[in-house]
Amino acid sequence: MSEHDQLQPILQQLLQVHGASFQLGEHEVAFHALAAAAHAAERLDDMETLGRVAALSREELEWMDANQPHHRLSTLSAGERHHRSMFEQLASTATTMQRRIHTDHLRQAAAVALEVIRA
């Protein structure tokens, strides 16, 4: 079984843990499960899931800001410490991971095209 085949179900489990943790109001656990999912998705070059991680991060932060604005991971609390919320940082990180993978794919395609031209 390939690494991809072994990591894919773990990625799905991490996303499930995130959802269950969010439903319980365990935002720190939800955050770390989602961050781990981002790393697994990056390893799998899964740009779609990275987009989902970014969206889920922003959605959870939006919910928290509306319903628990004083939670330590909220925008308000992070701002009081002169930081961005960890969820917003994760959304940015996942988006950056997506862009890196896309750029890597473009570079690989350009290298193949250059080899064809040289041949």
PDB file of N, CA and C in Angstrom:
ATOM      1  N   MET A   1       0.846  -1.183   0.000  1.00  0.00           N
ATOM      2  CA  MET A   1       0.000   0.000   0.000  1.00  0.00           C
ATOM      3  C   MET A   1       0.892   1.249   0.000  1.00  0.00           C
ATOM      4  N   SER A   2       0.614   2.176  -0.887  1.00  0.00           N
ATOM      5  CA  SER A   2       1.440   3.376  -1.009  1.00  0.00           C
ATOM      6  C   SER A   2       1.193   4.336   0.156  1.00  0.00           C
ATOM      7  N   GLU A   3       2.138   5.260   0.316  1.00  0.00           N
ATOM      8  CA  GLU A   3       1.990   6.277   1.353  1.00  0.00           C
ATOM      9  C   GLU A   3       0.702   7.073   1.140  1.00  0.00           C
ATOM     10  N   HIS A   4       0.414   7.393  -0.127  1.00  0.00           N
ATOM     11  CA  HIS A   4      -0.815   8.129  -0.455  1.00  0.00           C
ATOM     12  C   HIS A   4      -2.042   7.358   0.035  1.00  0.00           C
ATOM     13  N   ASP A   5      -2.063   6.055  -0.249  1.00  0.00           N
ATOM     14  CA  ASP A   5      -3.195   5.221   0.166  1.00  0.00           C
ATOM     15  C   ASP A   5      -3.318   5.146   1.678  1.00  0.00           C
ATOM     16  N   GLN A   6      -2.207   5.220   2.376  1.00  0.00           N
ATOM     17  CA  GLN A   6      -2.226   5.159   3.844  1.00  0.00           C
ATOM     18  C   GLN A   6      -2.586   6.500   4.469  1.00  0.00           C
ATOM     19  N   LEU A   7      -2.167   7.595   3.845  1.00  0.00           N
ATOM     20  CA  LEU A   7      -2.398   8.922   4.416  1.00  0.00           C
ATOM     21  C   LEU A   7      -3.804   9.437   4.138  1.00  0.00           C
ATOM     22  N   GLN A   8      -4.382   9.059   3.017  1.00  0.00           N
ATOM     23  CA  GLN A   8      -5.716   9.569   2.653  1.00  0.00           C
ATOM     24  C   GLN A   8      -6.769   9.287   3.722  1.00  0.00           C
ATOM     25  N   PRO A   9      -6.873   8.065   4.262  1.00  0.00           N
ATOM     26  CA  PRO A   9      -7.883   7.850   5.310  1.00  0.00           C
ATOM     27  C   PRO A   9      -7.589   8.624   6.593  1.00  0.00           C
ATOM     28  N   ILE A  10      -6.315   8.856   6.886  1.00  0.00           N
ATOM     29  CA  ILE A  10      -5.962   9.659   8.059  1.00  0.00           C
ATOM     30  C   ILE A  10      -6.440  11.091   7.859  1.00  0.00           C
ATOM     31  N   LEU A  11      -6.257  11.611   6.657  1.00  0.00           N
ATOM     32  CA  LEU A  11      -6.745  12.957   6.342  1.00  0.00           C
ATOM     33  C   LEU A  11      -8.250  13.041   6.577  1.00  0.00           C
ATOM     34  N   GLN A  12      -8.987  12.059   6.113  1.00  0.00           N
ATOM     35  CA  GLN A  12     -10.439  12.065   6.306  1.00  0.00           C
ATOM     36  C   GLN A  12     -10.802  11.986   7.789  1.00  0.00           C
ATOM     37  N   GLN A  13     -10.058  11.193   8.545  1.00  0.00           N
ATOM     38  CA  GLN A  13     -10.302  11.093   9.986  1.00  0.00           C
ATOM     39  C   GLN A  13     -10.033  12.422  10.681  1.00  0.00           C
ATOM     40  N   LEU A  14      -8.974  13.108  10.272  1.00  0.00           N
ATOM     41  CA  LEU A  14      -8.661  14.415  10.861  1.00  0.00           C
ATOM     42  C   LEU A  14      -9.785  15.412  10.606  1.00  0.00           C
ATOM     43  N   LEU A  15     -10.330  15.386   9.404  1.00  0.00           N
ATOM     44  CA  LEU A  15     -11.446  16.282   9.085  1.00  0.00           C
ATOM     45  C   LEU A  15     -12.680  15.923   9.912  1.00  0.00           C
ATOM     46  N   GLN A  16     -12.895  14.632  10.144  1.00  0.00           N
ATOM     47  CA  GLN A  16     -14.013  14.205  10.994  1.00  0.00           C
ATOM     48  C   GLN A  16     -13.791  14.635  12.442  1.00  0.00           C
ATOM     49  N   VAL A  17     -12.562  14.495  12.929  1.00  0.00           N
ATOM     50  CA  VAL A  17     -12.244  14.937  14.297  1.00  0.00           C
ATOM     51  C   VAL A  17     -12.466  16.438  14.419  1.00  0.00           C
ATOM     52  N   HIS A  18     -12.069  17.175  13.399  1.00  0.00           N
ATOM     53  CA  HIS A  18     -12.310  18.621  13.419  1.00  0.00           C
ATOM     54  C   HIS A  18     -13.797  18.910  13.568  1.00  0.00           C
ATOM     55  N   GLY A  19     -14.615  18.276  12.727  1.00  0.00           N
ATOM     56  CA  GLY A  19     -16.051  18.531  12.765  1.00  0.00           C
ATOM     57  C   GLY A  19     -16.678  18.164  14.105  1.00  0.00           C
ATOM     58  N   ALA A  20     -16.318  17.001  14.631  1.00  0.00           N
ATOM     59  CA  ALA A  20     -16.859  16.562  15.913  1.00  0.00           C
ATOM     60  C   ALA A  20     -16.413  17.487  17.038  1.00  0.00           C
ATOM     61  N   SER A  21     -15.162  17.906  17.012  1.00  0.00           N
ATOM     62  CA  SER A  21     -14.626  18.806  18.048  1.00  0.00           C
ATOM     63  C   SER A  21     -15.310  20.160  17.992  1.00  0.00           C
ATOM     64  N   PHE A  22     -15.521  20.660  16.781  1.00  0.00           N
ATOM     65  CA  PHE A  22     -16.217  21.940  16.617  1.00  0.00           C
ATOM     66  C   PHE A  22     -17.630  21.848  17.194  1.00  0.00           C
ATOM     67  N   GLN A  23     -18.317  20.758  16.891  1.00  0.00           N
ATOM     68  CA  GLN A  23     -19.682  20.569  17.405  1.00  0.00           C
ATOM     69  C   GLN A  23     -19.717  20.537  18.927  1.00  0.00           C
ATOM     70  N   LEU A  24     -18.663  20.024  19.542  1.00  0.00           N
ATOM     71  CA  LEU A  24     -18.574  19.983  21.005  1.00  0.00           C
ATOM     72  C   LEU A  24     -18.138  21.314  21.611  1.00  0.00           C
ATOM     73  N   GLY A  25     -17.721  22.242  20.760  1.00  0.00           N
ATOM     74  CA  GLY A  25     -17.209  23.512  21.256  1.00  0.00           C
ATOM     75  C   GLY A  25     -15.766  23.432  21.704  1.00  0.00           C
ATOM     76  N   GLU A  26     -15.095  22.378  21.312  1.00  0.00           N
ATOM     77  CA  GLU A  26     -13.675  22.199  21.655  1.00  0.00           C
ATOM     78  C   GLU A  26     -12.828  22.798  20.527  1.00  0.00           C
ATOM     79  N   HIS A  27     -12.759  24.110  20.519  1.00  0.00           N
ATOM     80  CA  HIS A  27     -12.145  24.823  19.397  1.00  0.00           C
ATOM     81  C   HIS A  27     -10.643  24.607  19.283  1.00  0.00           C
ATOM     82  N   GLU A  28      -9.959  24.427  20.399  1.00  0.00           N
ATOM     83  CA  GLU A  28      -8.523  24.162  20.329  1.00  0.00           C
ATOM     84  C   GLU A  28      -8.268  22.801  19.676  1.00  0.00           C
ATOM     85  N   VAL A  29      -9.036  21.791  20.075  1.00  0.00           N
ATOM     86  CA  VAL A  29      -8.898  20.464  19.471  1.00  0.00           C
ATOM     87  C   VAL A  29      -9.256  20.544  17.989  1.00  0.00           C
ATOM     88  N   ALA A  30     -10.341  21.248  17.694  1.00  0.00           N
ATOM     89  CA  ALA A  30     -10.763  21.407  16.297  1.00  0.00           C
ATOM     90  C   ALA A  30      -9.667  22.075  15.472  1.00  0.00           C
ATOM     91  N   PHE A  31      -9.056  23.111  16.035  1.00  0.00           N
ATOM     92  CA  PHE A  31      -7.981  23.811  15.329  1.00  0.00           C
ATOM     93  C   PHE A  31      -6.832  22.863  15.002  1.00  0.00           C
ATOM     94  N   HIS A  32      -6.380  22.115  15.990  1.00  0.00           N
ATOM     95  CA  HIS A  32      -5.211  21.257  15.776  1.00  0.00           C
ATOM     96  C   HIS A  32      -5.520  20.111  14.817  1.00  0.00           C
ATOM     97  N   ALA A  33      -6.725  19.581  14.854  1.00  0.00           N
ATOM     98  CA  ALA A  33      -7.113  18.548  13.885  1.00  0.00           C
ATOM     99  C   ALA A  33      -7.119  19.133  12.482  1.00  0.00           C
ATOM    100  N   LEU A  34      -7.612  20.359  12.347  1.00  0.00           N
ATOM    101  CA  LEU A  34      -7.659  20.998  11.034  1.00  0.00           C
ATOM    102  C   LEU A  34      -6.259  21.347  10.538  1.00  0.00           C
ATOM    103  N   ALA A  35      -5.391  21.786  11.443  1.00  0.00           N
ATOM    104  CA  ALA A  35      -4.004  22.073  11.062  1.00  0.00           C
ATOM    105  C   ALA A  35      -3.303  20.797  10.607  1.00  0.00           C
ATOM    106  N   ALA A  36      -3.532  19.697  11.322  1.00  0.00           N
ATOM    107  CA  ALA A  36      -2.946  18.414  10.921  1.00  0.00           C
ATOM    108  C   ALA A  36      -3.498  17.986   9.564  1.00  0.00           C
ATOM    109  N   ALA A  37      -4.776  18.221   9.336  1.00  0.00           N
ATOM    110  CA  ALA A  37      -5.376  17.900   8.038  1.00  0.00           C
ATOM    111  C   ALA A  37      -4.714  18.710   6.923  1.00  0.00           C
ATOM    112  N   ALA A  38      -4.394  19.960   7.201  1.00  0.00           N
ATOM    113  CA  ALA A  38      -3.720  20.784   6.192  1.00  0.00           C
ATOM    114  C   ALA A  38      -2.368  20.188   5.835  1.00  0.00           C
ATOM    115  N   HIS A  39      -1.628  19.728   6.815  1.00  0.00           N
ATOM    116  CA  HIS A  39      -0.319  19.140   6.540  1.00  0.00           C
ATOM    117  C   HIS A  39      -0.452  17.838   5.757  1.00  0.00           C
ATOM    118  N   ALA A  40      -1.452  17.037   6.103  1.00  0.00           N
ATOM    119  CA  ALA A  40      -1.680  15.795   5.358  1.00  0.00           C
ATOM    120  C   ALA A  40      -2.078  16.108   3.922  1.00  0.00           C
ATOM    121  N   ALA A  41      -2.953  17.077   3.744  1.00  0.00           N
ATOM    122  CA  ALA A  41      -3.387  17.457   2.392  1.00  0.00           C
ATOM    123  C   ALA A  41      -2.213  17.992   1.580  1.00  0.00           C
ATOM    124  N   GLU A  42      -1.346  18.757   2.220  1.00  0.00           N
ATOM    125  CA  GLU A  42      -0.168  19.264   1.515  1.00  0.00           C
ATOM    126  C   GLU A  42       0.715  18.108   1.060  1.00  0.00           C
ATOM    127  N   ARG A  43       0.917  17.157   1.932  1.00  0.00           N
ATOM    128  CA  ARG A  43       1.755  15.993   1.592  1.00  0.00           C
ATOM    129  C   ARG A  43       1.170  15.214   0.414  1.00  0.00           C
ATOM    130  N   LEU A  44      -0.155  15.221   0.321  1.00  0.00           N
ATOM    131  CA  LEU A  44      -0.849  14.514  -0.759  1.00  0.00           C
ATOM    132  C   LEU A  44      -1.045  15.377  -2.004  1.00  0.00           C
ATOM    133  N   ASP A  45      -0.550  16.620  -1.969  1.00  0.00           N
ATOM    134  CA  ASP A  45      -0.774  17.585  -3.061  1.00  0.00           C
ATOM    135  C   ASP A  45      -2.262  17.773  -3.351  1.00  0.00           C
ATOM    136  N   ASP A  46      -3.062  17.769  -2.303  1.00  0.00           N
ATOM    137  CA  ASP A  46      -4.518  17.838  -2.417  1.00  0.00           C
ATOM    138  C   ASP A  46      -4.982  19.289  -2.277  1.00  0.00           C
ATOM    139  N   MET A  47      -4.976  19.996  -3.389  1.00  0.00           N
ATOM    140  CA  MET A  47      -5.329  21.414  -3.365  1.00  0.00           C
ATOM    141  C   MET A  47      -6.797  21.630  -2.993  1.00  0.00           C
ATOM    142  N   GLU A  48      -7.654  20.706  -3.388  1.00  0.00           N
ATOM    143  CA  GLU A  48      -9.078  20.836  -3.060  1.00  0.00           C
ATOM    144  C   GLU A  48      -9.289  20.798  -1.544  1.00  0.00           C
ATOM    145  N   THR A  49      -8.658  19.850  -0.874  1.00  0.00           N
ATOM    146  CA  THR A  49      -8.814  19.760   0.577  1.00  0.00           C
ATOM    147  C   THR A  49      -8.165  20.952   1.269  1.00  0.00           C
ATOM    148  N   LEU A  50      -7.063  21.446   0.743  1.00  0.00           N
ATOM    149  CA  LEU A  50      -6.464  22.652   1.324  1.00  0.00           C
ATOM    150  C   LEU A  50      -7.429  23.831   1.227  1.00  0.00           C
ATOM    151  N   GLY A  51      -8.148  23.937   0.122  1.00  0.00           N
ATOM    152  CA  GLY A  51      -9.174  24.974   0.003  1.00  0.00           C
ATOM    153  C   GLY A  51     -10.278  24.781   1.025  1.00  0.00           C
ATOM    154  N   ARG A  52     -10.645  23.524   1.240  1.00  0.00           N
ATOM    155  CA  ARG A  52     -11.660  23.208   2.247  1.00  0.00           C
ATOM    156  C   ARG A  52     -11.164  23.574   3.641  1.00  0.00           C
ATOM    157  N   VAL A  53      -9.905  23.278   3.945  1.00  0.00           N
ATOM    158  CA  VAL A  53      -9.333  23.626   5.251  1.00  0.00           C
ATOM    159  C   VAL A  53      -9.379  25.139   5.456  1.00  0.00           C
ATOM    160  N   ALA A  54      -8.994  25.889   4.436  1.00  0.00           N
ATOM    161  CA  ALA A  54      -9.031  27.352   4.545  1.00  0.00           C
ATOM    162  C   ALA A  54     -10.455  27.832   4.809  1.00  0.00           C
ATOM    163  N   ALA A  55     -11.419  27.280   4.068  1.00  0.00           N
ATOM    164  CA  ALA A  55     -12.813  27.685   4.246  1.00  0.00           C
ATOM    165  C   ALA A  55     -13.332  27.298   5.628  1.00  0.00           C
ATOM    166  N   LEU A  56     -13.050  26.079   6.066  1.00  0.00           N
ATOM    167  CA  LEU A  56     -13.489  25.644   7.398  1.00  0.00           C
ATOM    168  C   LEU A  56     -12.874  26.504   8.494  1.00  0.00           C
ATOM    169  N   SER A  57     -11.622  26.882   8.335  1.00  0.00           N
ATOM    170  CA  SER A  57     -10.957  27.744   9.325  1.00  0.00           C
ATOM    171  C   SER A  57     -11.678  29.076   9.442  1.00  0.00           C
ATOM    172  N   ARG A  58     -11.988  29.653   8.313  1.00  0.00           N
ATOM    173  CA  ARG A  58     -12.664  30.959   8.321  1.00  0.00           C
ATOM    174  C   ARG A  58     -14.094  30.834   8.842  1.00  0.00           C
ATOM    175  N   GLU A  59     -14.776  29.742   8.477  1.00  0.00           N
ATOM    176  CA  GLU A  59     -16.147  29.532   8.957  1.00  0.00           C
ATOM    177  C   GLU A  59     -16.181  29.354  10.467  1.00  0.00           C
ATOM    178  N   GLU A  60     -15.253  28.573  10.994  1.00  0.00           N
ATOM    179  CA  GLU A  60     -15.226  28.366  12.451  1.00  0.00           C
ATOM    180  C   GLU A  60     -14.911  29.668  13.164  1.00  0.00           C
ATOM    181  N   LEU A  61     -13.972  30.441  12.623  1.00  0.00           N
ATOM    182  CA  LEU A  61     -13.647  31.727  13.234  1.00  0.00           C
ATOM    183  C   LEU A  61     -14.849  32.666  13.184  1.00  0.00           C
ATOM    184  N   GLU A  62     -15.543  32.682  12.065  1.00  0.00           N
ATOM    185  CA  GLU A  62     -16.729  33.536  11.940  1.00  0.00           C
ATOM    186  C   GLU A  62     -17.784  33.142  12.980  1.00  0.00           C
ATOM    187  N   TRP A  63     -17.994  31.825  13.146  1.00  0.00           N
ATOM    188  CA  TRP A  63     -18.952  31.355  14.146  1.00  0.00           C
ATOM    189  C   TRP A  63     -18.500  31.769  15.544  1.00  0.00           C
ATOM    190  N   MET A  64     -17.245  31.570  15.835  1.00  0.00           N
ATOM    191  CA  MET A  64     -16.712  31.898  17.160  1.00  0.00           C
ATOM    192  C   MET A  64     -16.833  33.397  17.434  1.00  0.00           C
ATOM    193  N   ASP A  65     -16.496  34.210  16.453  1.00  0.00           N
ATOM    194  CA  ASP A  65     -16.574  35.658  16.642  1.00  0.00           C
ATOM    195  C   ASP A  65     -18.011  36.106  16.912  1.00  0.00           C
ATOM    196  N   ALA A  66     -18.974  35.431  16.270  1.00  0.00           N
ATOM    197  CA  ALA A  66     -20.376  35.793  16.448  1.00  0.00           C
ATOM    198  C   ALA A  66     -20.957  35.241  17.750  1.00  0.00           C
ATOM    199  N   ASN A  67     -20.507  34.057  18.157  1.00  0.00           N
ATOM    200  CA  ASN A  67     -21.140  33.363  19.275  1.00  0.00           C
ATOM    201  C   ASN A  67     -20.314  33.300  20.556  1.00  0.00           C
ATOM    202  N   GLN A  68     -19.006  33.358  20.427  1.00  0.00           N
ATOM    203  CA  GLN A  68     -18.116  33.328  21.591  1.00  0.00           C
ATOM    204  C   GLN A  68     -16.977  34.331  21.375  1.00  0.00           C
ATOM    205  N   PRO A  69     -17.313  35.615  21.270  1.00  0.00           N
ATOM    206  CA  PRO A  69     -16.305  36.606  20.896  1.00  0.00           C
ATOM    207  C   PRO A  69     -15.135  36.735  21.872  1.00  0.00           C
ATOM    208  N   HIS A  70     -15.302  36.250  23.099  1.00  0.00           N
ATOM    209  CA  HIS A  70     -14.221  36.356  24.081  1.00  0.00           C
ATOM    210  C   HIS A  70     -13.419  35.061  24.209  1.00  0.00           C
ATOM    211  N   HIS A  71     -13.727  34.087  23.373  1.00  0.00           N
ATOM    212  CA  HIS A  71     -12.949  32.842  23.378  1.00  0.00           C
ATOM    213  C   HIS A  71     -11.501  33.193  23.051  1.00  0.00           C
ATOM    214  N   ARG A  72     -10.560  32.493  23.634  1.00  0.00           N
ATOM    215  CA  ARG A  72      -9.148  32.863  23.449  1.00  0.00           C
ATOM    216  C   ARG A  72      -8.649  32.709  22.016  1.00  0.00           C
ATOM    217  N   LEU A  73      -9.373  31.984  21.156  1.00  0.00           N
ATOM    218  CA  LEU A  73      -8.971  31.870  19.757  1.00  0.00           C
ATOM    219  C   LEU A  73      -9.741  32.821  18.834  1.00  0.00           C
ATOM    220  N   SER A  74     -10.611  33.639  19.399  1.00  0.00           N
ATOM    221  CA  SER A  74     -11.417  34.558  18.588  1.00  0.00           C
ATOM    222  C   SER A  74     -10.566  35.703  18.034  1.00  0.00           C
ATOM    223  N   THR A  75     -11.139  36.382  17.074  1.00  0.00           N
ATOM    224  CA  THR A  75     -10.468  37.552  16.488  1.00  0.00           C
ATOM    225  C   THR A  75     -10.239  38.622  17.549  1.00  0.00           C
ATOM    226  N   LEU A  76     -11.247  38.856  18.379  1.00  0.00           N
ATOM    227  CA  LEU A  76     -11.146  39.870  19.427  1.00  0.00           C
ATOM    228  C   LEU A  76     -10.013  39.547  20.397  1.00  0.00           C
ATOM    229  N   SER A  77      -9.979  38.317  20.882  1.00  0.00           N
ATOM    230  CA  SER A  77      -8.940  37.933  21.841  1.00  0.00           C
ATOM    231  C   SER A  77      -7.552  37.995  21.212  1.00  0.00           C
ATOM    232  N   ALA A  78      -7.449  37.530  19.990  1.00  0.00           N
ATOM    233  CA  ALA A  78      -6.150  37.593  19.308  1.00  0.00           C
ATOM    234  C   ALA A  78      -5.723  39.044  19.124  1.00  0.00           C
ATOM    235  N   GLY A  79      -6.665  39.895  18.748  1.00  0.00           N
ATOM    236  CA  GLY A  79      -6.367  41.314  18.568  1.00  0.00           C
ATOM    237  C   GLY A  79      -5.883  41.981  19.838  1.00  0.00           C
ATOM    238  N   GLU A  80      -6.443  41.559  20.972  1.00  0.00           N
ATOM    239  CA  GLU A  80      -5.997  42.107  22.259  1.00  0.00           C
ATOM    240  C   GLU A  80      -4.539  41.758  22.537  1.00  0.00           C
ATOM    241  N   ARG A  81      -4.056  40.681  21.919  1.00  0.00           N
ATOM    242  CA  ARG A  81      -2.649  40.275  22.064  1.00  0.00           C
ATOM    243  C   ARG A  81      -1.812  40.763  20.866  1.00  0.00           C
ATOM    244  N   HIS A  82      -2.439  41.582  20.017  1.00  0.00           N
ATOM    245  CA  HIS A  82      -1.786  42.132  18.825  1.00  0.00           C
ATOM    246  C   HIS A  82      -1.383  41.025  17.842  1.00  0.00           C
ATOM    247  N   HIS A  83      -2.262  40.030  17.715  1.00  0.00           N
ATOM    248  CA  HIS A  83      -2.041  38.919  16.787  1.00  0.00           C
ATOM    249  C   HIS A  83      -3.292  38.713  15.946  1.00  0.00           C
ATOM    250  N   ARG A  84      -3.149  37.859  14.941  1.00  0.00           N
ATOM    251  CA  ARG A  84      -4.309  37.376  14.187  1.00  0.00           C
ATOM    252  C   ARG A  84      -4.748  36.068  14.832  1.00  0.00           C
ATOM    253  N   SER A  85      -6.015  35.751  14.692  1.00  0.00           N
ATOM    254  CA  SER A  85      -6.515  34.490  15.228  1.00  0.00           C
ATOM    255  C   SER A  85      -5.769  33.325  14.586  1.00  0.00           C
ATOM    256  N   MET A  86      -5.585  32.272  15.365  1.00  0.00           N
ATOM    257  CA  MET A  86      -4.930  31.073  14.840  1.00  0.00           C
ATOM    258  C   MET A  86      -5.716  30.500  13.665  1.00  0.00           C
ATOM    259  N   PHE A  87      -7.044  30.619  13.698  1.00  0.00           N
ATOM    260  CA  PHE A  87      -7.853  30.110  12.597  1.00  0.00           C
ATOM    261  C   PHE A  87      -7.616  30.919  11.322  1.00  0.00           C
ATOM    262  N   GLU A  88      -7.464  32.224  11.453  1.00  0.00           N
ATOM    263  CA  GLU A  88      -7.169  33.044  10.271  1.00  0.00           C
ATOM    264  C   GLU A  88      -5.770  32.735   9.754  1.00  0.00           C
ATOM    265  N   GLN A  89      -4.823  32.531  10.666  1.00  0.00           N
ATOM    266  CA  GLN A  89      -3.472  32.152  10.247  1.00  0.00           C
ATOM    267  C   GLN A  89      -3.484  30.813   9.520  1.00  0.00           C
ATOM    268  N   LEU A  90      -4.271  29.854  10.018  1.00  0.00           N
ATOM    269  CA  LEU A  90      -4.361  28.552   9.363  1.00  0.00           C
ATOM    270  C   LEU A  90      -4.976  28.686   7.981  1.00  0.00           C
ATOM    271  N   ALA A  91      -5.998  29.504   7.856  1.00  0.00           N
ATOM    272  CA  ALA A  91      -6.604  29.725   6.536  1.00  0.00           C
ATOM    273  C   ALA A  91      -5.570  30.290   5.560  1.00  0.00           C
ATOM    274  N   SER A  92      -4.779  31.239   6.019  1.00  0.00           N
ATOM    275  CA  SER A  92      -3.726  31.813   5.167  1.00  0.00           C
ATOM    276  C   SER A  92      -2.668  30.774   4.824  1.00  0.00           C
ATOM    277  N   THR A  93      -2.294  29.966   5.800  1.00  0.00           N
ATOM    278  CA  THR A  93      -1.291  28.922   5.569  1.00  0.00           C
ATOM    279  C   THR A  93      -1.789  27.906   4.560  1.00  0.00           C
ATOM    280  N   ALA A  94      -3.031  27.473   4.694  1.00  0.00           N
ATOM    281  CA  ALA A  94      -3.590  26.494   3.752  1.00  0.00           C
ATOM    282  C   ALA A  94      -3.645  27.068   2.345  1.00  0.00           C
ATOM    283  N   THR A  95      -3.992  28.338   2.230  1.00  0.00           N
ATOM    284  CA  THR A  95      -4.017  28.988   0.916  1.00  0.00           C
ATOM    285  C   THR A  95      -2.614  29.070   0.333  1.00  0.00           C
ATOM    286  N   THR A  96      -1.637  29.371   1.164  1.00  0.00           N
ATOM    287  CA  THR A  96      -0.248  29.416   0.706  1.00  0.00           C
ATOM    288  C   THR A  96       0.225  28.034   0.274  1.00  0.00           C
ATOM    289  N   MET A  97      -0.167  27.000   0.997  1.00  0.00           N
ATOM    290  CA  MET A  97       0.172  25.633   0.603  1.00  0.00           C
ATOM    291  C   MET A  97      -0.413  25.316  -0.779  1.00  0.00           C
ATOM    292  N   GLN A  98      -1.662  25.721  -0.989  1.00  0.00           N
ATOM    293  CA  GLN A  98      -2.300  25.520  -2.298  1.00  0.00           C
ATOM    294  C   GLN A  98      -1.485  26.183  -3.405  1.00  0.00           C
ATOM    295  N   ARG A  99      -1.107  27.414  -3.174  1.00  0.00           N
ATOM    296  CA  ARG A  99      -0.356  28.168  -4.194  1.00  0.00           C
ATOM    297  C   ARG A  99       1.004  27.538  -4.473  1.00  0.00           C
ATOM    298  N   ARG A 100       1.660  27.035  -3.415  1.00  0.00           N
ATOM    299  CA  ARG A 100       2.953  26.385  -3.611  1.00  0.00           C
ATOM    300  C   ARG A 100       2.800  25.134  -4.461  1.00  0.00           C
ATOM    301  N   ILE A 101       1.800  24.329  -4.165  1.00  0.00           N
ATOM    302  CA  ILE A 101       1.562  23.113  -4.951  1.00  0.00           C
ATOM    303  C   ILE A 101       1.265  23.470  -6.402  1.00  0.00           C
ATOM    304  N   HIS A 102       0.434  24.466  -6.608  1.00  0.00           N
ATOM    305  CA  HIS A 102       0.115  24.903  -7.970  1.00  0.00           C
ATOM    306  C   HIS A 102       1.378  25.360  -8.703  1.00  0.00           C
ATOM    307  N   THR A 103       2.206  26.133  -8.026  1.00  0.00           N
ATOM    308  CA  THR A 103       3.454  26.599  -8.626  1.00  0.00           C
ATOM    309  C   THR A 103       4.380  25.431  -8.939  1.00  0.00           C
ATOM    310  N   ASP A 104       4.463  24.471  -8.030  1.00  0.00           N
ATOM    311  CA  ASP A 104       5.287  23.281  -8.282  1.00  0.00           C
ATOM    312  C   ASP A 104       4.801  22.535  -9.517  1.00  0.00           C
ATOM    313  N   HIS A 105       3.483  22.406  -9.660  1.00  0.00           N
ATOM    314  CA  HIS A 105       2.929  21.727 -10.840  1.00  0.00           C
ATOM    315  C   HIS A 105       3.265  22.490 -12.118  1.00  0.00           C
ATOM    316  N   LEU A 106       3.186  23.812 -12.057  1.00  0.00           N
ATOM    317  CA  LEU A 106       3.537  24.624 -13.235  1.00  0.00           C
ATOM    318  C   LEU A 106       5.010  24.461 -13.591  1.00  0.00           C
ATOM    319  N   ARG A 107       5.864  24.450 -12.577  1.00  0.00           N
ATOM    320  CA  ARG A 107       7.303  24.269 -12.827  1.00  0.00           C
ATOM    321  C   ARG A 107       7.584  22.905 -13.451  1.00  0.00           C
ATOM    322  N   GLN A 108       6.916  21.870 -12.948  1.00  0.00           N
ATOM    323  CA  GLN A 108       7.102  20.530 -13.489  1.00  0.00           C
ATOM    324  C   GLN A 108       6.644  20.474 -14.945  1.00  0.00           C
ATOM    325  N   ALA A 109       5.515  21.083 -15.235  1.00  0.00           N
ATOM    326  CA  ALA A 109       5.009  21.103 -16.612  1.00  0.00           C
ATOM    327  C   ALA A 109       5.956  21.886 -17.516  1.00  0.00           C
ATOM    328  N   ALA A 110       6.499  22.985 -17.024  1.00  0.00           N
ATOM    329  CA  ALA A 110       7.446  23.770 -17.822  1.00  0.00           C
ATOM    330  C   ALA A 110       8.721  22.983 -18.084  1.00  0.00           C
ATOM    331  N   ALA A 111       9.188  22.242 -17.088  1.00  0.00           N
ATOM    332  CA  ALA A 111      10.396  21.436 -17.265  1.00  0.00           C
ATOM    333  C   ALA A 111      10.167  20.358 -18.309  1.00  0.00           C
ATOM    334  N   VAL A 112       8.994  19.729 -18.277  1.00  0.00           N
ATOM    335  CA  VAL A 112       8.674  18.700 -19.285  1.00  0.00           C
ATOM    336  C   VAL A 112       8.605  19.342 -20.663  1.00  0.00           C
ATOM    337  N   ALA A 113       7.958  20.482 -20.768  1.00  0.00           N
ATOM    338  CA  ALA A 113       7.854  21.170 -22.047  1.00  0.00           C
ATOM    339  C   ALA A 113       9.224  21.558 -22.586  1.00  0.00           C
ATOM    340  N   LEU A 114      10.094  21.993 -21.709  1.00  0.00           N
ATOM    341  CA  LEU A 114      11.447  22.365 -22.122  1.00  0.00           C
ATOM    342  C   LEU A 114      12.212  21.143 -22.636  1.00  0.00           C
ATOM    343  N   GLU A 115      12.041  20.017 -21.990  1.00  0.00           N
ATOM    344  CA  GLU A 115      12.687  18.771 -22.434  1.00  0.00           C
ATOM    345  C   GLU A 115      12.181  18.376 -23.823  1.00  0.00           C
ATOM    346  N   VAL A 116      10.889  18.536 -24.040  1.00  0.00           N
ATOM    347  CA  VAL A 116      10.304  18.198 -25.345  1.00  0.00           C
ATOM    348  C   VAL A 116      10.876  19.115 -26.420  1.00  0.00           C
ATOM    349  N   ILE A 117      10.990  20.384 -26.105  1.00  0.00           N
ATOM    350  CA  ILE A 117      11.528  21.351 -27.067  1.00  0.00           C
ATOM    351  C   ILE A 117      12.995  21.024 -27.390  1.00  0.00           C
ATOM    352  N   ARG A 118      13.738  20.646 -26.372  1.00  0.00           N
ATOM    353  CA  ARG A 118      15.153  20.344 -26.575  1.00  0.00           C
ATOM    354  C   ARG A 118      15.374  19.022 -27.317  1.00  0.00           C
ATOM    355  N   ALA A 119      14.394  18.149 -27.257  1.00  0.00           N
ATOM    356  CA  ALA A 119      14.561  16.817 -27.874  1.00  0.00           C
ATOM    357  C   ALA A 119      14.395  16.821 -29.359  1.00  0.00           C
TER     358      ALA A 119
END
